[in-house]
N, C-alpha and C. Protein backbone atom coordinates (compact mmCIF):
# COMPACT_ATOMS: atom_id res chain seq x y z
N UNK A 1 -198.47 -186.59 -27.48
CA UNK A 1 -197.88 -187.36 -26.40
C UNK A 1 -198.00 -186.57 -25.09
N UNK A 2 -198.44 -187.24 -24.02
CA UNK A 2 -198.64 -186.52 -22.77
C UNK A 2 -197.41 -186.60 -21.86
N UNK A 3 -197.29 -185.61 -20.99
CA UNK A 3 -196.18 -185.55 -20.03
C UNK A 3 -196.66 -186.13 -18.72
N UNK A 4 -195.94 -187.14 -18.19
CA UNK A 4 -196.40 -187.81 -16.97
C UNK A 4 -195.71 -187.30 -15.71
N UNK A 5 -194.57 -186.63 -15.83
CA UNK A 5 -193.85 -186.00 -14.70
C UNK A 5 -193.42 -186.97 -13.60
N UNK A 6 -193.26 -188.22 -13.90
CA UNK A 6 -192.94 -189.21 -12.87
C UNK A 6 -191.70 -188.86 -12.07
N UNK A 7 -190.57 -188.67 -12.73
CA UNK A 7 -189.31 -188.43 -12.05
C UNK A 7 -189.29 -187.02 -11.45
N UNK A 8 -189.78 -186.04 -12.19
CA UNK A 8 -189.76 -184.64 -11.75
C UNK A 8 -190.57 -184.48 -10.47
N UNK A 9 -191.78 -185.05 -10.46
CA UNK A 9 -192.64 -184.93 -9.29
C UNK A 9 -192.03 -185.64 -8.09
N UNK A 10 -191.49 -186.83 -8.31
CA UNK A 10 -190.90 -187.57 -7.20
C UNK A 10 -189.72 -186.81 -6.59
N UNK A 11 -188.89 -186.20 -7.45
CA UNK A 11 -187.75 -185.42 -6.95
C UNK A 11 -188.23 -184.22 -6.13
N UNK A 12 -189.24 -183.54 -6.63
CA UNK A 12 -189.78 -182.38 -5.92
C UNK A 12 -190.37 -182.80 -4.58
N UNK A 13 -191.11 -183.90 -4.58
CA UNK A 13 -191.70 -184.41 -3.34
C UNK A 13 -190.63 -184.85 -2.35
N UNK A 14 -189.59 -185.48 -2.86
CA UNK A 14 -188.50 -185.93 -1.97
C UNK A 14 -187.80 -184.73 -1.34
N UNK A 15 -187.66 -183.67 -2.12
CA UNK A 15 -187.04 -182.44 -1.60
C UNK A 15 -187.90 -181.87 -0.47
N UNK A 16 -189.21 -181.87 -0.68
CA UNK A 16 -190.13 -181.37 0.35
C UNK A 16 -190.08 -182.26 1.58
N UNK A 17 -190.10 -183.59 1.36
CA UNK A 17 -190.05 -184.53 2.49
C UNK A 17 -188.78 -184.34 3.32
N UNK A 18 -187.68 -184.07 2.65
CA UNK A 18 -186.42 -183.86 3.35
C UNK A 18 -186.49 -182.61 4.23
N UNK A 19 -187.19 -181.58 3.76
CA UNK A 19 -187.27 -180.33 4.50
C UNK A 19 -188.21 -180.42 5.71
N UNK A 20 -189.22 -181.32 5.65
CA UNK A 20 -190.19 -181.40 6.75
C UNK A 20 -189.85 -182.51 7.74
N UNK A 21 -188.64 -183.01 7.69
CA UNK A 21 -188.24 -184.03 8.65
C UNK A 21 -188.34 -183.45 10.06
N UNK A 22 -189.01 -184.16 10.95
CA UNK A 22 -189.17 -183.69 12.31
C UNK A 22 -190.49 -182.98 12.55
N UNK A 23 -191.23 -182.67 11.47
CA UNK A 23 -192.56 -182.07 11.64
C UNK A 23 -193.52 -183.17 12.09
N UNK A 24 -194.69 -182.78 12.59
CA UNK A 24 -195.63 -183.75 13.13
C UNK A 24 -196.89 -183.86 12.27
N UNK A 25 -197.54 -185.00 12.39
CA UNK A 25 -198.86 -185.26 11.82
C UNK A 25 -198.86 -185.12 10.30
N UNK A 26 -199.93 -184.51 9.76
CA UNK A 26 -200.07 -184.45 8.31
C UNK A 26 -199.09 -183.48 7.67
N UNK A 27 -198.46 -182.63 8.48
CA UNK A 27 -197.47 -181.69 7.93
C UNK A 27 -196.24 -182.46 7.44
N UNK A 28 -196.09 -183.69 7.86
CA UNK A 28 -194.97 -184.49 7.40
C UNK A 28 -195.40 -185.44 6.29
N UNK A 29 -196.59 -186.03 6.40
CA UNK A 29 -197.00 -187.07 5.48
C UNK A 29 -197.65 -186.57 4.21
N UNK A 30 -198.44 -185.53 4.32
CA UNK A 30 -199.21 -185.01 3.20
C UNK A 30 -198.37 -183.94 2.48
N UNK A 31 -198.11 -184.15 1.20
CA UNK A 31 -197.21 -183.25 0.45
C UNK A 31 -197.75 -181.83 0.41
N UNK A 32 -199.07 -181.67 0.22
CA UNK A 32 -199.64 -180.32 0.14
C UNK A 32 -199.48 -179.59 1.48
N UNK A 33 -199.82 -180.29 2.56
CA UNK A 33 -199.68 -179.69 3.90
C UNK A 33 -198.20 -179.44 4.22
N UNK A 34 -197.35 -180.35 3.80
CA UNK A 34 -195.91 -180.19 4.04
C UNK A 34 -195.39 -178.96 3.34
N UNK A 35 -195.83 -178.75 2.11
CA UNK A 35 -195.38 -177.58 1.34
C UNK A 35 -195.86 -176.30 2.01
N UNK A 36 -197.10 -176.29 2.51
CA UNK A 36 -197.61 -175.12 3.23
C UNK A 36 -196.77 -174.86 4.48
N UNK A 37 -196.40 -175.95 5.18
CA UNK A 37 -195.61 -175.81 6.40
C UNK A 37 -194.23 -175.22 6.09
N UNK A 38 -193.63 -175.66 4.99
CA UNK A 38 -192.31 -175.15 4.60
C UNK A 38 -192.40 -173.66 4.26
N UNK A 39 -193.46 -173.28 3.52
CA UNK A 39 -193.61 -171.88 3.14
C UNK A 39 -193.82 -171.00 4.37
N UNK A 40 -194.62 -171.47 5.33
CA UNK A 40 -194.86 -170.71 6.55
C UNK A 40 -193.58 -170.62 7.37
N UNK A 41 -192.83 -171.71 7.44
CA UNK A 41 -191.56 -171.71 8.18
C UNK A 41 -190.59 -170.71 7.56
N UNK A 42 -190.59 -170.64 6.23
CA UNK A 42 -189.73 -169.68 5.54
C UNK A 42 -190.10 -168.24 5.86
N UNK A 43 -191.41 -167.98 5.97
CA UNK A 43 -191.87 -166.63 6.31
C UNK A 43 -191.41 -166.26 7.71
N UNK A 44 -191.56 -167.21 8.64
CA UNK A 44 -191.13 -166.95 10.02
C UNK A 44 -189.62 -166.72 10.08
N UNK A 45 -188.87 -167.53 9.34
CA UNK A 45 -187.41 -167.39 9.34
C UNK A 45 -187.01 -166.01 8.82
N UNK A 46 -187.67 -165.55 7.76
CA UNK A 46 -187.37 -164.26 7.16
C UNK A 46 -187.65 -163.14 8.16
N UNK A 47 -188.84 -163.20 8.80
CA UNK A 47 -189.22 -162.15 9.76
C UNK A 47 -188.27 -162.15 10.96
N UNK A 48 -187.94 -163.35 11.43
CA UNK A 48 -187.13 -163.44 12.64
C UNK A 48 -185.68 -163.05 12.42
N UNK A 49 -185.19 -163.16 11.19
CA UNK A 49 -183.85 -162.66 10.90
C UNK A 49 -183.80 -161.15 11.09
N UNK A 50 -184.90 -160.48 10.78
CA UNK A 50 -184.97 -159.03 11.00
C UNK A 50 -185.24 -158.71 12.46
N UNK A 51 -186.09 -159.52 13.10
CA UNK A 51 -186.44 -159.31 14.50
C UNK A 51 -185.23 -159.50 15.41
N UNK A 52 -184.32 -160.39 14.99
CA UNK A 52 -183.11 -160.67 15.76
C UNK A 52 -182.29 -159.40 15.98
N UNK A 53 -182.22 -158.56 14.96
CA UNK A 53 -181.44 -157.32 15.05
C UNK A 53 -182.04 -156.39 16.10
N UNK A 54 -183.40 -156.30 16.13
CA UNK A 54 -184.07 -155.47 17.13
C UNK A 54 -183.82 -156.00 18.52
N UNK A 55 -183.93 -157.32 18.66
CA UNK A 55 -183.78 -157.96 19.97
C UNK A 55 -182.40 -157.72 20.54
N UNK A 56 -181.38 -157.88 19.71
CA UNK A 56 -180.01 -157.69 20.19
C UNK A 56 -179.75 -156.23 20.55
N UNK A 57 -180.30 -155.30 19.76
CA UNK A 57 -180.13 -153.88 20.09
C UNK A 57 -180.74 -153.59 21.46
N UNK A 58 -181.92 -154.14 21.72
CA UNK A 58 -182.58 -153.95 23.02
C UNK A 58 -181.73 -154.55 24.15
N UNK A 59 -181.14 -155.70 23.89
CA UNK A 59 -180.28 -156.35 24.89
C UNK A 59 -179.07 -155.48 25.21
N UNK A 60 -178.42 -154.94 24.17
CA UNK A 60 -177.24 -154.10 24.39
C UNK A 60 -177.61 -152.85 25.19
N UNK A 61 -178.75 -152.25 24.87
CA UNK A 61 -179.18 -151.05 25.58
C UNK A 61 -179.46 -151.37 27.04
N UNK A 62 -180.10 -152.52 27.30
CA UNK A 62 -180.39 -152.92 28.67
C UNK A 62 -179.10 -153.13 29.46
N UNK A 63 -178.14 -153.79 28.83
CA UNK A 63 -176.84 -154.02 29.48
C UNK A 63 -176.14 -152.70 29.79
N UNK A 64 -176.15 -151.80 28.80
CA UNK A 64 -175.50 -150.51 29.00
C UNK A 64 -176.18 -149.71 30.10
N UNK A 65 -177.50 -149.76 30.12
CA UNK A 65 -178.25 -149.04 31.14
C UNK A 65 -177.86 -149.52 32.53
N UNK A 66 -177.76 -150.83 32.68
CA UNK A 66 -177.37 -151.40 33.98
C UNK A 66 -175.94 -151.01 34.35
N UNK A 67 -175.04 -151.06 33.35
CA UNK A 67 -173.63 -150.76 33.61
C UNK A 67 -173.43 -149.28 33.95
N UNK A 68 -174.18 -148.41 33.29
CA UNK A 68 -174.03 -146.97 33.50
C UNK A 68 -174.64 -146.55 34.84
N UNK A 69 -175.69 -147.25 35.27
CA UNK A 69 -176.32 -146.94 36.57
C UNK A 69 -175.34 -147.10 37.71
N UNK A 70 -174.40 -148.05 37.59
CA UNK A 70 -173.38 -148.25 38.62
C UNK A 70 -172.50 -147.02 38.80
N UNK A 71 -172.39 -146.22 37.73
CA UNK A 71 -171.56 -145.02 37.77
C UNK A 71 -172.39 -143.76 37.98
N UNK A 72 -173.65 -143.93 38.35
CA UNK A 72 -174.50 -142.79 38.69
C UNK A 72 -175.05 -142.01 37.51
N UNK A 73 -175.19 -142.65 36.39
CA UNK A 73 -175.76 -142.01 35.20
C UNK A 73 -176.94 -142.84 34.72
N UNK A 74 -177.75 -142.28 33.83
CA UNK A 74 -178.73 -143.13 33.17
C UNK A 74 -178.37 -143.23 31.68
N UNK A 75 -179.02 -144.18 30.99
CA UNK A 75 -178.62 -144.50 29.62
C UNK A 75 -178.77 -143.31 28.67
N UNK A 76 -179.88 -142.58 28.80
CA UNK A 76 -180.13 -141.50 27.84
C UNK A 76 -179.08 -140.40 27.96
N UNK A 77 -178.71 -140.07 29.20
CA UNK A 77 -177.66 -139.04 29.39
C UNK A 77 -176.31 -139.55 28.89
N UNK A 78 -176.06 -140.84 29.10
CA UNK A 78 -174.82 -141.46 28.62
C UNK A 78 -174.75 -141.39 27.10
N UNK A 79 -175.85 -141.75 26.43
CA UNK A 79 -175.89 -141.73 24.96
C UNK A 79 -175.70 -140.32 24.44
N UNK A 80 -176.35 -139.35 25.08
CA UNK A 80 -176.19 -137.94 24.67
C UNK A 80 -174.76 -137.47 24.87
N UNK A 81 -174.15 -137.88 25.99
CA UNK A 81 -172.76 -137.51 26.27
C UNK A 81 -171.80 -138.09 25.23
N UNK A 82 -172.05 -139.33 24.82
CA UNK A 82 -171.22 -139.94 23.77
C UNK A 82 -171.30 -139.13 22.48
N UNK A 83 -172.51 -138.73 22.14
CA UNK A 83 -172.70 -137.96 20.91
C UNK A 83 -172.03 -136.60 21.01
N UNK A 84 -172.18 -135.93 22.17
CA UNK A 84 -171.59 -134.60 22.35
C UNK A 84 -170.07 -134.63 22.30
N UNK A 85 -169.48 -135.68 22.86
CA UNK A 85 -168.00 -135.79 22.91
C UNK A 85 -167.42 -136.45 21.66
N UNK A 86 -168.29 -136.76 20.69
CA UNK A 86 -167.88 -137.41 19.44
C UNK A 86 -167.17 -138.75 19.66
N UNK A 87 -167.65 -139.51 20.62
CA UNK A 87 -167.13 -140.87 20.84
C UNK A 87 -167.98 -141.81 19.99
N UNK A 88 -167.35 -142.37 18.97
CA UNK A 88 -168.09 -143.18 18.00
C UNK A 88 -167.89 -144.66 18.31
N UNK A 89 -168.58 -145.14 19.32
CA UNK A 89 -168.59 -146.57 19.65
C UNK A 89 -170.03 -147.04 19.60
N UNK A 90 -170.27 -148.16 18.94
CA UNK A 90 -171.65 -148.65 18.85
C UNK A 90 -172.06 -149.37 20.13
N UNK A 91 -173.36 -149.62 20.23
CA UNK A 91 -173.90 -150.21 21.46
C UNK A 91 -173.34 -151.59 21.74
N UNK A 92 -173.12 -152.35 20.67
CA UNK A 92 -172.60 -153.71 20.84
C UNK A 92 -171.22 -153.67 21.49
N UNK A 93 -170.32 -152.87 20.95
CA UNK A 93 -168.95 -152.83 21.48
C UNK A 93 -168.94 -152.22 22.89
N UNK A 94 -169.80 -151.24 23.15
CA UNK A 94 -169.87 -150.66 24.49
C UNK A 94 -170.36 -151.68 25.51
N UNK A 95 -171.36 -152.48 25.14
CA UNK A 95 -171.86 -153.49 26.09
C UNK A 95 -170.82 -154.58 26.32
N UNK A 96 -170.08 -154.93 25.28
CA UNK A 96 -169.00 -155.91 25.45
C UNK A 96 -167.91 -155.35 26.37
N UNK A 97 -167.59 -154.07 26.20
CA UNK A 97 -166.63 -153.41 27.10
C UNK A 97 -167.11 -153.46 28.54
N UNK A 98 -168.39 -153.15 28.74
CA UNK A 98 -168.96 -153.12 30.09
C UNK A 98 -168.86 -154.49 30.76
N UNK A 99 -169.00 -155.55 29.98
CA UNK A 99 -168.97 -156.91 30.54
C UNK A 99 -167.53 -157.38 30.76
N UNK A 100 -166.71 -157.27 29.71
CA UNK A 100 -165.38 -157.90 29.74
C UNK A 100 -164.25 -156.97 30.20
N UNK A 101 -164.40 -155.66 29.99
CA UNK A 101 -163.36 -154.70 30.35
C UNK A 101 -163.96 -153.56 31.18
N UNK A 102 -164.36 -153.83 32.43
CA UNK A 102 -165.05 -152.80 33.20
C UNK A 102 -164.20 -151.55 33.46
N UNK A 103 -162.88 -151.70 33.57
CA UNK A 103 -162.01 -150.55 33.82
C UNK A 103 -162.01 -149.60 32.62
N UNK A 104 -161.94 -150.17 31.44
CA UNK A 104 -161.96 -149.36 30.21
C UNK A 104 -163.32 -148.68 30.06
N UNK A 105 -164.37 -149.42 30.38
CA UNK A 105 -165.71 -148.85 30.30
C UNK A 105 -165.88 -147.70 31.28
N UNK A 106 -165.28 -147.85 32.46
CA UNK A 106 -165.33 -146.78 33.47
C UNK A 106 -164.68 -145.51 32.92
N UNK A 107 -163.56 -145.65 32.20
CA UNK A 107 -162.91 -144.50 31.61
C UNK A 107 -163.79 -143.83 30.56
N UNK A 108 -164.51 -144.64 29.79
CA UNK A 108 -165.43 -144.09 28.79
C UNK A 108 -166.53 -143.29 29.48
N UNK A 109 -167.07 -143.84 30.59
CA UNK A 109 -168.12 -143.15 31.33
C UNK A 109 -167.59 -141.83 31.90
N UNK A 110 -166.36 -141.85 32.42
CA UNK A 110 -165.76 -140.62 32.96
C UNK A 110 -165.57 -139.58 31.88
N UNK A 111 -165.19 -140.02 30.69
CA UNK A 111 -165.00 -139.11 29.57
C UNK A 111 -166.33 -138.46 29.17
N UNK A 112 -167.39 -139.20 29.30
CA UNK A 112 -168.71 -138.71 28.91
C UNK A 112 -169.27 -137.73 29.94
N UNK A 113 -169.12 -138.07 31.22
CA UNK A 113 -169.73 -137.22 32.26
C UNK A 113 -168.85 -136.07 32.70
């Protein structure tokens, strides 16, 4: 007796069709092309989840650099000063301080320099 896969294949295809909603041309209509599109989209999503961390770190450093320049320092000296004084604040929290609590950030800069 042969296996026809009628229900199984239709369910799998429907799952793929649901995922490619909004795609254009044959990437939406053709199941093989749609599956390739989903796999490629998954690869990009995976890479970009890691790239996001790099991008945000660069953003925080840029913000800190700008904030520290106002106080007559540059970022590298500021970072070294933080390490020397054993101030354990990460770049994210420091950049948030620089934006939302400039007075507190000023005190941190004074402590470093």
